[in-house]
C-alpha atoms as a PDB file:
ATOM      1  CA  MET A   1      -0.040  -0.086   0.268  1.00  0.00           C
ATOM      2  CA  ASP A   2       1.542   3.500  -1.098  1.00  0.00           C
ATOM      3  CA  PHE A   3       1.526   6.845   1.034  1.00  0.00           C
ATOM      4  CA  MET A   4      -1.176   8.240  -0.926  1.00  0.00           C
ATOM      5  CA  MET A   5      -3.568   5.232  -0.629  1.00  0.00           C
ATOM      6  CA  VAL A   6      -3.343   5.649   2.978  1.00  0.00           C
ATOM      7  CA  LEU A   7      -3.621   9.179   3.139  1.00  0.00           C
ATOM      8  CA  THR A   8      -6.611   8.809   1.080  1.00  0.00           C
ATOM      9  CA  ASN A   9      -8.118   6.140   3.445  1.00  0.00           C
ATOM     10  CA  PHE A  10      -7.566   8.189   6.602  1.00  0.00           C
ATOM     11  CA  PHE A  11      -9.365  11.097   5.046  1.00  0.00           C
ATOM     12  CA  THR A  12     -12.246   9.240   3.919  1.00  0.00           C
ATOM     13  CA  ASN A  13     -12.664   7.667   7.226  1.00  0.00           C
ATOM     14  CA  PHE A  14     -12.330  10.778   9.337  1.00  0.00           C
ATOM     15  CA  LEU A  15     -14.685  12.685   6.851  1.00  0.00           C
ATOM     16  CA  GLU A  16     -17.561   9.748   7.647  1.00  0.00           C
ATOM     17  CA  LEU A  17     -16.733  10.190  11.282  1.00  0.00           C
ATOM     18  CA  THR A  18     -16.991  13.755  11.563  1.00  0.00           C
ATOM     19  CA  GLY A  19     -18.671  15.257   8.684  1.00  0.00           C
ATOM     20  CA  ASP A  20     -15.896  17.601   8.169  1.00  0.00           C
ATOM     21  CA  ILE A  21     -12.653  17.391   6.883  1.00  0.00           C
ATOM     22  CA  SER A  22     -11.060  20.826   7.896  1.00  0.00           C
ATOM     23  CA  VAL A  23     -10.994  19.744  11.451  1.00  0.00           C
ATOM     24  CA  GLY A  24      -8.695  16.778  10.393  1.00  0.00           C
ATOM     25  CA  LEU A  25      -6.416  19.080   8.232  1.00  0.00           C
ATOM     26  CA  LYS A  26      -5.945  21.660  11.089  1.00  0.00           C
ATOM     27  CA  ALA A  27      -5.046  19.007  13.484  1.00  0.00           C
ATOM     28  CA  ILE A  28      -2.385  17.800  10.957  1.00  0.00           C
ATOM     29  CA  GLY A  29      -0.945  21.411  10.414  1.00  0.00           C
ATOM     30  CA  ALA A  30      -1.022  22.279  13.961  1.00  0.00           C
ATOM     31  CA  GLY A  31       1.188  18.839  14.866  1.00  0.00           C
ATOM     32  CA  LEU A  32       3.357  19.941  11.444  1.00  0.00           C
ATOM     33  CA  ALA A  33       3.991  23.480  12.902  1.00  0.00           C
ATOM     34  CA  VAL A  34       4.786  22.088  16.523  1.00  0.00           C
ATOM     35  CA  PHE A  35       7.654  20.264  14.734  1.00  0.00           C
ATOM     36  CA  THR A  36       9.431  23.713  13.948  1.00  0.00           C
ATOM     37  CA  GLY A  37      10.054  23.906  17.886  1.00  0.00           C
ATOM     38  CA  PHE A  38      11.783  20.627  17.769  1.00  0.00           C
ATOM     39  CA  ALA A  39      14.154  21.515  14.854  1.00  0.00           C
ATOM     40  CA  ALA A  40      14.808  24.782  16.607  1.00  0.00           C
ATOM     41  CA  ALA A  41      15.888  23.120  19.710  1.00  0.00           C
ATOM     42  CA  LEU A  42      18.056  20.944  17.898  1.00  0.00           C
ATOM     43  CA  GLY A  43      19.687  24.033  16.020  1.00  0.00           C
ATOM     44  CA  GLU A  44      20.231  26.013  19.229  1.00  0.00           C
ATOM     45  CA  GLY A  45      22.007  22.778  20.754  1.00  0.00           C
ATOM     46  CA  ASN A  46      24.314  22.312  17.897  1.00  0.00           C
ATOM     47  CA  VAL A  47      25.375  26.098  17.813  1.00  0.00           C
ATOM     48  CA  ALA A  48      25.857  26.240  21.692  1.00  0.00           C
ATOM     49  CA  ALA A  49      28.003  22.925  21.089  1.00  0.00           C
ATOM     50  CA  HIS A  50      30.149  24.518  18.222  1.00  0.00           C
ATOM     51  CA  ALA A  51      30.405  27.734  20.073  1.00  0.00           C
ATOM     52  CA  VAL A  52      31.933  25.792  23.215  1.00  0.00           C
ATOM     53  CA  ASP A  53      34.322  24.076  20.998  1.00  0.00           C
ATOM     54  CA  ALA A  54      35.091  27.388  19.564  1.00  0.00           C
ATOM     55  CA  ILE A  55      35.508  29.225  22.832  1.00  0.00           C
ATOM     56  CA  ALA A  56      38.047  26.181  24.005  1.00  0.00           C
ATOM     57  CA  ARG A  57      40.232  26.670  20.807  1.00  0.00           C
ATOM     58  CA  GLN A  58      40.383  30.390  20.944  1.00  0.00           C
ATOM     59  CA  PRO A  59      39.575  31.689  24.702  1.00  0.00           C
ATOM     60  CA  GLU A  60      40.455  35.389  23.812  1.00  0.00           C
ATOM     61  CA  MET A  61      37.914  35.521  21.370  1.00  0.00           C
ATOM     62  CA  ALA A  62      34.890  34.187  23.889  1.00  0.00           C
ATOM     63  CA  GLY A  63      33.270  37.632  24.223  1.00  0.00           C
ATOM     64  CA  ASN A  64      32.947  37.715  20.326  1.00  0.00           C
ATOM     65  CA  ILE A  65      31.847  34.147  20.212  1.00  0.00           C
ATOM     66  CA  ARG A  66      29.312  34.254  22.949  1.00  0.00           C
ATOM     67  CA  ILE A  67      27.440  37.466  21.094  1.00  0.00           C
ATOM     68  CA  THR A  68      27.383  35.869  17.905  1.00  0.00           C
ATOM     69  CA  MET A  69      25.699  32.283  19.239  1.00  0.00           C
ATOM     70  CA  LEU A  70      23.192  34.455  21.431  1.00  0.00           C
ATOM     71  CA  ILE A  71      22.122  36.185  18.202  1.00  0.00           C
ATOM     72  CA  GLY A  72      21.917  33.240  16.269  1.00  0.00           C
ATOM     73  CA  GLN A  73      19.796  31.423  18.906  1.00  0.00           C
ATOM     74  CA  ALA A  74      17.468  34.307  19.093  1.00  0.00           C
ATOM     75  CA  VAL A  75      16.829  34.145  15.617  1.00  0.00           C
ATOM     76  CA  SER A  76      16.458  30.251  15.652  1.00  0.00           C
ATOM     77  CA  GLU A  77      13.918  30.705  18.536  1.00  0.00           C
ATOM     78  CA  THR A  78      11.823  32.929  16.775  1.00  0.00           C
ATOM     79  CA  THR A  79      11.433  30.105  14.293  1.00  0.00           C
ATOM     80  CA  GLY A  80      10.176  27.663  16.923  1.00  0.00           C
ATOM     81  CA  LEU A  81       7.792  30.600  18.574  1.00  0.00           C
ATOM     82  CA  TYR A  82       6.281  31.369  14.858  1.00  0.00           C
ATOM     83  CA  GLY A  83       5.474  27.475  14.729  1.00  0.00           C
ATOM     84  CA  LEU A  84       4.000  27.431  18.220  1.00  0.00           C
ATOM     85  CA  ILE A  85       1.615  30.406  17.542  1.00  0.00           C
ATOM     86  CA  ILE A  86       0.676  29.169  13.993  1.00  0.00           C
ATOM     87  CA  ALA A  87      -0.415  25.953  15.690  1.00  0.00           C
ATOM     88  CA  ILE A  88      -2.489  27.781  18.499  1.00  0.00           C
ATOM     89  CA  LEU A  89      -4.027  29.603  16.115  1.00  0.00           C
ATOM     90  CA  LEU A  90      -4.763  26.439  13.853  1.00  0.00           C
ATOM     91  CA  THR A  91      -6.547  24.813  16.880  1.00  0.00           C
ATOM     92  CA  VAL A  92      -8.452  27.678  17.710  1.00  0.00           C
END
């Protein structure tokens, strides 16, 4: 059984149960939007690990590395927050 057939069967059965397919699509969209938080957390951890490695190699550059790391993590965190906001708006 291929993926499209499984997806078609899922939506057909869901439509028979609820009578409205938009509820299921909203739930799937909210679930996908929540994964942005997971991806952002992985990216932030990777940035922090490399920043610590860079500081260990060149301790005199610790201030510059730390500032760059924090700016990068702030940008990454906004992606996770946007995903959370989208997930909340889809479920309301």
